[in-house]
Amino acid sequence: MDNREWPDYEKNPMAEEFRKLFVGGLNSSTTEETLNEYFSTFGTIEKCDIMKDRSNPTKSKGFAFITFAAPEAIDEVQKARPHELDTKKIETKRATPKAQQYWPTKKLYIKDFPKELEETDLVKEMEETFGKYGTVKDV
């Protein structure tokens, strides 16, 4: 586990943590090149990594991390939501370091449901599964 402290923005506003963007819901055909092309309109990109499946390194996990040269680029990306790339709506948010990933949240992203599952059955299953942890507001 990474035990680094979250940097102080006042002391180091250019820390990578303040310049890193999470991009989720990617089309399986999206490449780092298409991500670079799309997001470079918001600022200079230092690094772009699509996360790959360990068992199949050519298969995308459907999300990526983009590190911009300046933290203001992330603000610009967020102001321009919603985003669509390669015919899919994608989610963008500031990346959260692994050491800080257990902050409380009110929203979960869940994917890869069985195609044959009816929406009403899916909603019921989600409410039953997650309802024991708190109030489910919307599925």
Protein backbone atom coordinates (compact mmCIF):
# COMPACT_ATOMS: atom_id res chain seq x y z
CA MET A 1 0.00 0.00 0.00
CA ASP A 2 1.18 3.49 -0.84
CA ASN A 3 1.56 5.40 2.44
CA ARG A 4 2.36 8.77 0.89
CA GLU A 5 0.52 11.71 2.36
CA TRP A 6 -1.88 13.66 0.18
CA PRO A 7 0.11 16.72 -0.95
CA ASP A 8 -0.74 20.19 0.26
CA TYR A 9 -2.11 22.17 -2.67
CA GLU A 10 -0.85 25.45 -1.20
CA LYS A 11 2.72 24.11 -1.00
CA ASN A 12 2.74 22.11 -4.23
CA PRO A 13 -0.14 22.90 -6.62
CA MET A 14 1.67 21.08 -9.44
CA ALA A 15 1.76 17.71 -7.64
CA GLU A 16 0.66 14.86 -9.92
CA GLU A 17 -2.35 14.16 -7.68
CA PHE A 18 -3.85 17.52 -8.71
CA ARG A 19 -3.17 16.96 -12.42
CA LYS A 20 -4.47 13.40 -12.81
CA LEU A 21 -7.85 12.56 -14.35
CA PHE A 22 -9.82 9.30 -14.23
CA VAL A 23 -11.74 8.48 -17.40
CA GLY A 24 -14.27 5.63 -17.14
CA GLY A 25 -16.75 3.88 -19.41
CA LEU A 26 -14.42 3.72 -22.40
CA ASN A 27 -15.36 1.91 -25.57
CA SER A 28 -13.22 -1.22 -26.00
CA SER A 29 -11.95 0.24 -29.28
CA THR A 30 -10.73 3.50 -27.69
CA THR A 31 -6.97 3.90 -27.94
CA GLU A 32 -4.49 6.09 -26.09
CA GLU A 33 -4.14 8.03 -29.34
CA THR A 34 -7.87 8.84 -29.51
CA LEU A 35 -7.86 9.78 -25.81
CA ASN A 36 -4.87 12.06 -26.36
CA GLU A 37 -6.48 13.65 -29.38
CA TYR A 38 -9.76 14.32 -27.54
CA PHE A 39 -8.42 15.49 -24.17
CA SER A 40 -5.49 17.53 -25.53
CA THR A 41 -8.06 20.19 -26.41
CA PHE A 42 -8.29 20.90 -22.66
CA GLY A 43 -4.55 21.16 -22.00
CA THR A 44 -1.14 19.61 -22.54
CA ILE A 45 -1.06 15.90 -21.69
CA GLU A 46 2.03 14.46 -20.03
CA LYS A 47 0.82 10.87 -19.74
CA CYS A 48 -2.13 8.79 -20.94
CA ASP A 49 -2.63 5.19 -19.81
CA ILE A 50 -5.54 2.90 -20.65
CA MET A 51 -5.67 0.18 -18.03
CA LYS A 52 -5.37 -3.32 -19.53
CA ASP A 53 -6.58 -6.71 -18.36
CA ARG A 54 -3.74 -8.67 -16.71
CA SER A 55 -4.81 -11.95 -18.31
CA ASN A 56 -5.15 -10.32 -21.75
CA PRO A 57 -2.85 -7.28 -22.08
CA THR A 58 -4.48 -6.22 -25.34
CA LYS A 59 -7.93 -5.93 -23.73
CA SER A 60 -8.95 -2.62 -22.16
CA LYS A 61 -10.50 -2.60 -18.69
CA GLY A 62 -12.64 0.31 -19.87
CA PHE A 63 -10.91 3.09 -17.97
CA ALA A 64 -7.82 5.26 -18.19
CA PHE A 65 -5.76 7.84 -16.34
CA ILE A 66 -4.59 11.06 -17.96
CA THR A 67 -1.99 13.32 -16.37
CA PHE A 68 -2.07 16.91 -17.56
CA ALA A 69 0.80 19.39 -17.36
CA ALA A 70 -1.39 21.81 -15.37
CA PRO A 71 -4.18 21.16 -12.83
CA GLU A 72 -6.44 23.76 -14.50
CA ALA A 73 -6.93 21.35 -17.41
CA ILE A 74 -8.95 19.04 -15.17
CA ASP A 75 -11.24 21.94 -14.25
CA GLU A 76 -11.78 22.59 -17.96
CA VAL A 77 -12.57 18.91 -18.62
CA GLN A 78 -15.11 18.89 -15.79
CA LYS A 79 -16.77 22.10 -16.97
CA ALA A 80 -17.29 20.54 -20.42
CA ARG A 81 -19.18 17.45 -19.17
CA PRO A 82 -20.81 15.31 -20.41
CA HIS A 83 -18.22 13.78 -22.71
CA GLU A 84 -18.66 11.26 -25.51
CA LEU A 85 -15.84 9.38 -27.21
CA ASP A 86 -16.04 6.57 -29.77
CA THR A 87 -19.87 6.54 -29.54
CA LYS A 88 -19.91 6.09 -25.73
CA LYS A 89 -20.65 8.54 -22.95
CA ILE A 90 -17.63 8.56 -20.69
CA GLU A 91 -17.20 9.57 -17.06
CA THR A 92 -14.47 11.95 -15.95
CA LYS A 93 -13.38 12.83 -12.44
CA ARG A 94 -10.26 13.73 -10.53
CA ALA A 95 -8.23 10.60 -9.89
CA THR A 96 -8.10 9.43 -6.29
CA PRO A 97 -4.82 7.91 -5.11
CA LYS A 98 -5.02 4.30 -3.89
CA ALA A 99 -4.09 5.43 -0.39
CA GLN A 100 -7.17 7.67 -0.36
CA GLN A 101 -9.59 5.45 -2.30
CA TYR A 102 -11.79 4.59 0.65
CA TRP A 103 -13.29 8.04 1.11
CA PRO A 104 -17.05 7.93 1.60
CA THR A 105 -19.00 7.96 -1.64
CA LYS A 106 -22.61 8.20 -2.67
CA LYS A 107 -22.21 6.81 -6.16
CA LEU A 108 -21.04 3.43 -7.49
CA TYR A 109 -20.25 2.42 -11.06
CA ILE A 110 -21.16 -1.20 -11.79
CA LYS A 111 -20.88 -2.86 -15.18
CA ASP A 112 -20.99 -6.20 -17.05
CA PHE A 113 -24.49 -7.33 -16.13
CA PRO A 114 -25.95 -10.40 -17.81
CA LYS A 115 -27.56 -9.19 -21.04
CA GLU A 116 -30.66 -11.32 -20.48
CA LEU A 117 -31.45 -9.69 -17.11
CA GLU A 118 -34.55 -7.47 -17.21
CA GLU A 119 -34.12 -3.92 -15.91
CA THR A 120 -36.75 -4.37 -13.17
CA ASP A 121 -34.99 -7.51 -11.94
CA LEU A 122 -31.64 -5.72 -12.02
CA VAL A 123 -32.99 -2.79 -10.00
CA LYS A 124 -34.49 -5.18 -7.43
CA GLU A 125 -31.22 -7.13 -7.16
CA MET A 126 -29.15 -3.95 -6.72
CA GLU A 127 -31.53 -2.62 -4.05
CA GLU A 128 -31.42 -5.95 -2.17
CA THR A 129 -27.65 -6.31 -2.46
CA PHE A 130 -26.66 -2.76 -1.54
CA GLY A 131 -29.63 -1.89 0.68
CA LYS A 132 -28.05 -3.72 3.60
CA TYR A 133 -25.23 -1.13 3.57
CA GLY A 134 -27.45 1.95 3.49
CA THR A 135 -30.31 3.61 1.70
CA VAL A 136 -30.31 3.11 -2.07
CA LYS A 137 -31.58 6.35 -3.62
CA ASP A 138 -31.43 5.48 -7.31
CA VAL A 139 -30.40 2.59 -9.53
